[in-house]
Amino acid sequence: MSKNKPNKKTIKIIGATALALFSLVTVFTATIAWFALNYTVGGQGIKVRVNEKTGKLNKIEIFEFVETIDKGSENNPDYNYSFNSTPSAIIFGGEESEDDLFIMGDYTPLHTDHPLLVLFTLKNEFVTTSAGDMYIKGLTSADGFLGATDPDSGLPVYKLGDVTDSDPEGTRSLKRGTKEATFVDEITGNSETKVVDCYPLSSAVNFKCAQYSSDEYDDLTDNSTSNRIDIPVDSITLSESFVNFASAGAGITFKHNPTIYSSEGDGSHIQYVAMVVNYDGNAISAIYSTYLGNSVLESNYGGRFYFTCDWILEVL
């Protein structure tokens, strides 16, 4: 069995333990701010930088997930991510948003989907005439993938917690600050608040996108559930994320500056780009496989990982 992919039996056993060893509690601290292209980015949360020379982008909206619905038939399912039609955050050009906290929800083997919709609206309908004449890229300063293992020893590349002087030479950590978390004893019901470490959310999510003309987006919303935006799961495509899995054979690559979305240059009209941010099940399986039985994970974190957003979105 691959070290990075526990089998289904293992996952079920882990998920049933009192420590909730395969329960992922991830806080998605989504402070969306608007910055000029060369702004020096600091702090936590998603940040967006825009090339003002092109002037394509009008606004960015964030919509929270409600449920996954099947709009097909019994023999022909059509699963849709259904989001609130009222945005939870909206940013216009030149403005900066207030701080917002978005909870993506607990990832468990039974509840793996917790998507978030980020909708990019252009000032005018744009006709793509050359590949990549509009793109959205990610950028992170994280060193690598949290679930990475040494190919020779099979041990984790990154230590959980702090690196100290007593650690072997070359030991590294991806820790990005701390937060308070409340642990509840499932037997006694007693609760305890502890300070836990946070890790880069880039290691645990992927991005899938779809583009729409004005008419196509009108059709999408007209066919959506009342007060919702329904996006068919099969209509959004994965290009690149920070963590990428080989389509054939083994291999995981980590990209510091992935191209999340790129126009095709095929003459199509673009007014909107929908980006769905969601957990990546393969990445999460790899992370938990890497640290399975780790004393810091079990004792300090209660068997759960905590993440903070570590990337910038660059729009051209």
Protein backbone atom coordinates (compact mmCIF):
# COMPACT_ATOMS: atom_id res chain seq x y z
CA MET A 1 0.00 0.00 0.00
CA SER A 2 1.27 3.49 -0.86
CA LYS A 3 2.47 5.52 2.11
CA ASN A 4 0.45 8.49 0.87
CA LYS A 5 -2.93 6.81 0.43
CA PRO A 6 -4.47 4.87 3.31
CA ASN A 7 -6.99 2.32 2.11
CA LYS A 8 -10.73 2.63 2.72
CA LYS A 9 -10.63 0.23 5.65
CA THR A 10 -7.95 2.33 7.36
CA ILE A 11 -9.90 5.53 6.83
CA LYS A 12 -13.05 4.05 8.35
CA ILE A 13 -11.16 2.83 11.40
CA ILE A 14 -9.41 6.15 11.89
CA GLY A 15 -12.66 8.10 11.53
CA ALA A 16 -14.31 5.98 14.21
CA THR A 17 -11.73 6.56 16.94
CA ALA A 18 -12.39 8.80 19.92
CA LEU A 19 -9.58 11.07 18.80
CA ALA A 20 -11.31 11.67 15.47
CA LEU A 21 -7.97 11.01 13.86
CA PHE A 22 -9.29 11.56 10.35
CA SER A 23 -11.45 14.55 11.19
CA LEU A 24 -10.02 17.73 9.69
CA VAL A 25 -11.04 21.01 11.30
CA THR A 26 -9.85 23.75 9.00
CA VAL A 27 -10.45 27.44 9.57
CA PHE A 28 -10.48 29.33 6.32
CA THR A 29 -9.48 32.85 7.35
CA ALA A 30 -10.60 34.65 4.21
CA THR A 31 -9.74 38.29 4.55
CA ILE A 32 -10.01 39.41 0.94
CA ALA A 33 -8.19 42.69 0.32
CA TRP A 34 -7.51 44.63 -2.86
CA PHE A 35 -3.88 45.50 -3.55
CA ALA A 36 -1.89 47.06 -6.34
CA LEU A 37 0.29 44.75 -8.38
CA ASN A 38 3.53 45.34 -6.50
CA TYR A 39 2.10 45.60 -3.00
CA THR A 40 4.22 43.83 -0.36
CA VAL A 41 1.87 41.27 1.09
CA GLY A 42 1.91 40.33 4.75
CA GLY A 43 -0.41 38.80 7.31
CA GLN A 44 -2.94 36.04 6.80
CA GLY A 45 -5.93 35.49 4.57
CA ILE A 46 -6.49 35.48 0.81
CA LYS A 47 -5.23 38.63 -0.81
CA VAL A 48 -5.71 39.70 -4.38
CA ARG A 49 -3.41 41.75 -6.52
CA VAL A 50 -4.51 43.10 -9.85
CA ASN A 51 -2.68 44.41 -12.87
CA GLU A 52 -4.26 47.86 -13.13
CA LYS A 53 -2.82 48.37 -16.62
CA THR A 54 -5.32 45.97 -18.14
CA GLY A 55 -8.31 47.21 -16.15
CA LYS A 56 -10.32 44.03 -16.84
CA LEU A 57 -11.59 43.31 -13.33
CA ASN A 58 -14.58 45.08 -11.82
CA LYS A 59 -15.27 43.18 -8.58
CA ILE A 60 -14.78 39.98 -6.63
CA GLU A 61 -17.57 38.34 -4.63
CA ILE A 62 -17.49 35.43 -2.18
CA PHE A 63 -20.50 33.15 -1.80
CA GLU A 64 -20.92 30.58 0.95
CA PHE A 65 -21.90 26.98 0.31
CA VAL A 66 -25.37 25.71 1.23
CA GLU A 67 -25.59 22.14 -0.04
CA THR A 68 -24.94 19.78 -2.91
CA ILE A 69 -28.10 19.03 -4.87
CA ASP A 70 -28.93 16.53 -7.61
CA LYS A 71 -30.85 18.19 -10.45
CA GLY A 72 -30.82 15.12 -12.67
CA SER A 73 -32.81 11.91 -12.77
CA GLU A 74 -32.38 8.63 -10.91
CA ASN A 75 -30.35 7.11 -13.73
CA ASN A 76 -28.66 10.32 -14.83
CA PRO A 77 -27.57 12.40 -11.81
CA ASP A 78 -26.55 16.03 -12.22
CA TYR A 79 -24.84 17.17 -9.04
CA ASN A 80 -24.60 20.90 -8.36
CA TYR A 81 -22.84 22.94 -5.72
CA SER A 82 -25.52 25.31 -4.47
CA PHE A 83 -24.33 28.63 -3.00
CA ASN A 84 -26.15 31.53 -1.39
CA SER A 85 -26.92 34.11 -4.09
CA THR A 86 -26.18 36.95 -1.66
CA PRO A 87 -22.41 37.44 -1.38
CA SER A 88 -20.80 37.29 2.04
CA ALA A 89 -18.07 39.66 0.88
CA ILE A 90 -17.70 41.96 -2.09
CA ILE A 91 -14.75 44.03 -3.22
CA PHE A 92 -14.79 46.69 -5.91
CA GLY A 93 -11.73 48.13 -7.59
CA GLY A 94 -9.74 50.38 -5.26
CA GLU A 95 -11.60 49.27 -2.16
CA GLU A 96 -10.48 47.13 0.75
CA SER A 97 -12.82 44.76 2.53
CA GLU A 98 -13.40 44.42 6.23
CA ASP A 99 -12.03 41.30 7.89
CA ASP A 100 -14.29 38.30 7.50
CA LEU A 101 -14.03 34.77 8.83
CA PHE A 102 -15.23 31.93 6.60
CA ILE A 103 -15.49 28.44 8.00
CA MET A 104 -15.13 25.78 5.32
CA GLY A 105 -16.39 23.15 7.74
CA ASP A 106 -15.01 19.91 9.15
CA TYR A 107 -13.59 17.53 6.60
CA THR A 108 -14.51 13.93 7.40
CA PRO A 109 -14.74 10.82 5.20
CA LEU A 110 -18.54 11.26 5.17
CA HIS A 111 -18.49 15.04 4.60
CA THR A 112 -15.71 15.88 2.18
CA ASP A 113 -17.21 18.79 0.24
CA HIS A 114 -17.08 22.28 1.74
CA PRO A 115 -16.65 24.51 -1.30
CA LEU A 116 -16.44 28.28 -1.38
CA LEU A 117 -17.35 30.27 -4.52
CA VAL A 118 -15.16 33.20 -5.55
CA LEU A 119 -16.74 35.04 -8.49
CA PHE A 120 -14.66 37.41 -10.61
CA THR A 121 -16.71 39.92 -12.61
CA LEU A 122 -15.07 41.83 -15.46
CA LYS A 123 -15.82 45.46 -16.28
CA ASN A 124 -16.83 44.52 -19.81
CA GLU A 125 -17.37 41.31 -21.69
CA PHE A 126 -13.93 40.26 -22.85
CA VAL A 127 -13.17 38.33 -26.04
CA THR A 128 -10.20 36.01 -25.59
CA THR A 129 -8.06 35.96 -28.74
CA SER A 130 -4.81 34.42 -27.49
CA ALA A 131 -4.18 31.73 -24.89
CA GLY A 132 -3.60 33.21 -21.44
CA ASP A 133 -4.72 36.74 -22.30
CA MET A 134 -6.58 36.55 -19.01
CA TYR A 135 -5.41 34.45 -16.10
CA ILE A 136 -5.70 33.91 -12.36
CA LYS A 137 -2.61 32.66 -10.58
CA GLY A 138 -1.91 31.69 -7.01
CA LEU A 139 1.21 32.60 -5.09
CA THR A 140 2.40 31.22 -1.75
CA SER A 141 5.56 31.58 0.29
CA ALA A 142 5.08 28.12 1.83
CA ASP A 143 8.15 25.95 1.29
CA GLY A 144 6.25 22.92 0.11
CA PHE A 145 3.50 20.35 0.67
CA LEU A 146 2.74 19.45 4.28
CA GLY A 147 2.35 15.77 3.41
CA ALA A 148 5.72 15.45 1.67
CA THR A 149 7.89 12.48 2.66
CA ASP A 150 11.58 11.79 2.16
CA PRO A 151 11.92 9.35 -0.77
CA ASP A 152 14.69 7.41 0.96
CA SER A 153 13.50 7.19 4.57
CA GLY A 154 9.77 7.61 4.05
CA LEU A 155 9.72 10.04 6.98
CA PRO A 156 7.93 13.43 6.93
CA VAL A 157 9.93 16.24 5.34
CA TYR A 158 8.35 18.76 7.70
CA LYS A 159 8.12 18.55 11.48
CA LEU A 160 4.87 19.38 13.26
CA GLY A 161 5.29 22.29 15.65
CA ASP A 162 8.45 24.31 16.19
CA VAL A 163 11.97 23.49 15.08
CA THR A 164 14.36 23.72 18.01
CA ASP A 165 18.14 23.71 18.39
CA SER A 166 18.00 20.06 19.43
CA ASP A 167 16.44 19.00 16.13
CA PRO A 168 18.62 17.20 13.59
CA GLU A 169 20.20 19.43 10.98
CA GLY A 170 17.85 20.04 8.08
CA THR A 171 14.60 19.58 10.02
CA ARG A 172 11.96 22.04 8.81
CA SER A 173 8.45 23.09 9.78
CA LEU A 174 5.61 24.70 7.82
CA LYS A 175 4.00 26.16 10.94
CA ARG A 176 2.34 29.52 10.26
CA GLY A 177 1.26 30.89 13.63
CA THR A 178 -1.17 29.59 16.23
CA LYS A 179 -4.82 29.80 17.23
CA GLU A 180 -7.00 28.77 20.16
CA ALA A 181 -9.06 25.62 19.78
CA THR A 182 -11.58 23.98 22.10
CA PHE A 183 -11.37 20.24 22.64
CA VAL A 184 -14.36 18.33 24.02
CA ASP A 185 -13.92 14.96 25.70
CA GLU A 186 -16.47 12.73 23.98
CA ILE A 187 -16.85 10.57 27.10
CA THR A 188 -17.07 13.15 29.91
CA GLY A 189 -18.25 16.14 27.87
CA ASN A 190 -15.60 18.32 29.52
CA SER A 191 -13.98 20.95 27.32
CA GLU A 192 -10.47 22.35 27.25
CA THR A 193 -9.08 25.30 25.31
CA LYS A 194 -5.57 24.91 23.94
CA VAL A 195 -3.28 26.81 21.62
CA VAL A 196 -2.67 24.83 18.43
CA ASP A 197 -0.40 25.39 15.46
CA CYS A 198 -1.66 26.40 12.00
CA TYR A 199 -0.34 25.17 8.67
CA PRO A 200 -0.61 26.45 5.07
CA LEU A 201 -4.05 25.91 3.59
CA SER A 202 -2.37 25.64 0.19
CA SER A 203 -1.51 22.04 1.17
CA ALA A 204 -5.15 21.00 1.58
CA VAL A 205 -7.25 22.63 -1.17
CA ASN A 206 -7.68 22.78 -4.91
CA PHE A 207 -9.27 25.27 -7.30
CA LYS A 208 -11.72 24.51 -10.10
CA CYS A 209 -12.94 27.16 -12.51
CA ALA A 210 -15.53 27.91 -15.19
CA GLN A 211 -15.95 30.97 -17.39
CA TYR A 212 -19.22 32.52 -18.56
CA SER A 213 -20.36 35.12 -21.03
CA SER A 214 -23.13 37.49 -19.88
CA ASP A 215 -25.78 35.32 -21.52
CA GLU A 216 -24.30 32.09 -20.17
CA TYR A 217 -24.24 33.44 -16.62
CA ASP A 218 -27.84 34.67 -16.96
CA ASP A 219 -28.84 31.16 -18.05
CA LEU A 220 -26.94 29.70 -15.08
CA THR A 221 -28.71 31.90 -12.54
CA ASP A 222 -32.11 31.52 -14.25
CA ASN A 223 -31.79 27.74 -13.91
CA SER A 224 -30.59 27.89 -10.30
CA THR A 225 -32.61 27.17 -7.19
CA SER A 226 -34.42 30.22 -5.80
CA ASN A 227 -31.98 32.55 -3.99
CA ARG A 228 -29.06 30.32 -4.97
CA ILE A 229 -26.28 30.03 -7.51
CA ASP A 230 -26.14 26.42 -8.68
CA ILE A 231 -22.91 25.37 -10.38
CA PRO A 232 -22.82 21.88 -11.94
CA VAL A 233 -19.92 19.95 -10.45
CA ASP A 234 -18.96 18.59 -13.88
CA SER A 235 -18.79 22.10 -15.40
CA ILE A 236 -15.81 23.30 -13.35
CA THR A 237 -12.35 22.12 -14.32
CA LEU A 238 -9.08 21.71 -12.48
CA SER A 239 -6.02 23.25 -14.10
CA GLU A 240 -3.34 23.66 -11.44
CA SER A 241 -3.33 24.02 -7.68
CA PHE A 242 -0.47 24.32 -5.24
CA VAL A 243 -0.50 20.55 -4.71
CA ASN A 244 -0.86 18.52 -7.91
CA PHE A 245 -1.19 14.77 -8.32
CA ALA A 246 0.04 12.95 -11.42
CA SER A 247 -2.80 11.70 -13.62
CA ALA A 248 -0.91 8.48 -14.32
CA GLY A 249 1.51 6.73 -12.01
CA ALA A 250 2.88 8.15 -8.79
CA GLY A 251 4.03 11.65 -8.10
CA ILE A 252 3.05 14.82 -6.25
CA THR A 253 4.32 18.23 -7.29
CA PHE A 254 4.09 21.46 -5.31
CA LYS A 255 3.86 24.73 -7.27
CA HIS A 256 4.47 28.09 -5.62
CA ASN A 257 2.79 29.98 -8.47
CA PRO A 258 0.15 27.77 -10.13
CA THR A 259 -1.99 28.96 -13.03
CA ILE A 260 -5.44 28.36 -11.56
CA TYR A 261 -7.32 29.69 -14.58
CA SER A 262 -6.21 30.70 -18.08
CA SER A 263 -8.31 31.82 -21.04
CA GLU A 264 -8.03 29.64 -24.12
CA GLY A 265 -7.82 32.31 -26.82
CA ASP A 266 -10.58 30.64 -28.80
CA GLY A 267 -12.70 33.74 -29.42
CA SER A 268 -15.13 33.00 -26.59
CA HIS A 269 -16.71 35.82 -24.60
CA ILE A 270 -15.90 36.14 -20.89
CA GLN A 271 -17.79 38.28 -18.40
CA TYR A 272 -17.41 36.10 -15.31
CA VAL A 273 -14.94 33.55 -13.96
CA ALA A 274 -16.21 31.30 -11.16
CA MET A 275 -13.56 29.76 -8.91
CA VAL A 276 -14.62 27.00 -6.52
CA VAL A 277 -12.18 26.49 -3.64
CA ASN A 278 -12.61 23.10 -1.98
CA TYR A 279 -10.74 20.48 0.01
CA ASP A 280 -8.54 18.13 -1.99
CA GLY A 281 -9.23 14.60 -0.78
CA ASN A 282 -6.00 13.19 -2.22
CA ALA A 283 -3.93 15.85 -0.46
CA ILE A 284 -5.68 15.29 2.85
CA SER A 285 -5.22 11.52 2.62
CA ALA A 286 -1.52 12.08 1.96
CA ILE A 287 -1.16 14.47 4.91
CA TYR A 288 -2.81 12.11 7.37
CA SER A 289 -0.89 9.14 6.03
CA THR A 290 2.36 11.06 6.53
CA TYR A 291 1.60 11.90 10.17
CA LEU A 292 -0.45 8.87 11.19
CA GLY A 293 0.41 8.09 14.82
CA ASN A 294 2.44 11.29 15.23
CA SER A 295 2.49 12.26 18.94
CA VAL A 296 2.16 16.00 18.25
CA LEU A 297 -0.87 15.44 16.02
CA GLU A 298 -2.59 13.18 18.53
CA SER A 299 -1.65 14.82 21.83
CA ASN A 300 -1.21 18.52 20.99
CA TYR A 301 -3.80 18.88 18.22
CA GLY A 302 -6.34 16.30 19.31
CA GLY A 303 -5.90 14.40 16.05
CA ARG A 304 -6.85 17.44 13.96
CA PHE A 305 -5.01 19.79 11.66
CA TYR A 306 -5.63 23.54 11.61
CA PHE A 307 -4.86 25.64 8.56
CA THR A 308 -4.64 29.31 7.70
CA CYS A 309 -4.84 30.83 4.24
CA ASP A 310 -1.37 31.53 2.88
CA TRP A 311 -1.80 32.54 -0.75
CA ILE A 312 -2.30 35.56 -2.97
CA LEU A 313 -4.53 35.48 -6.03
CA GLU A 314 -3.06 37.39 -8.96
CA VAL A 315 -5.50 38.48 -11.70
CA LEU A 316 -4.47 39.75 -15.11
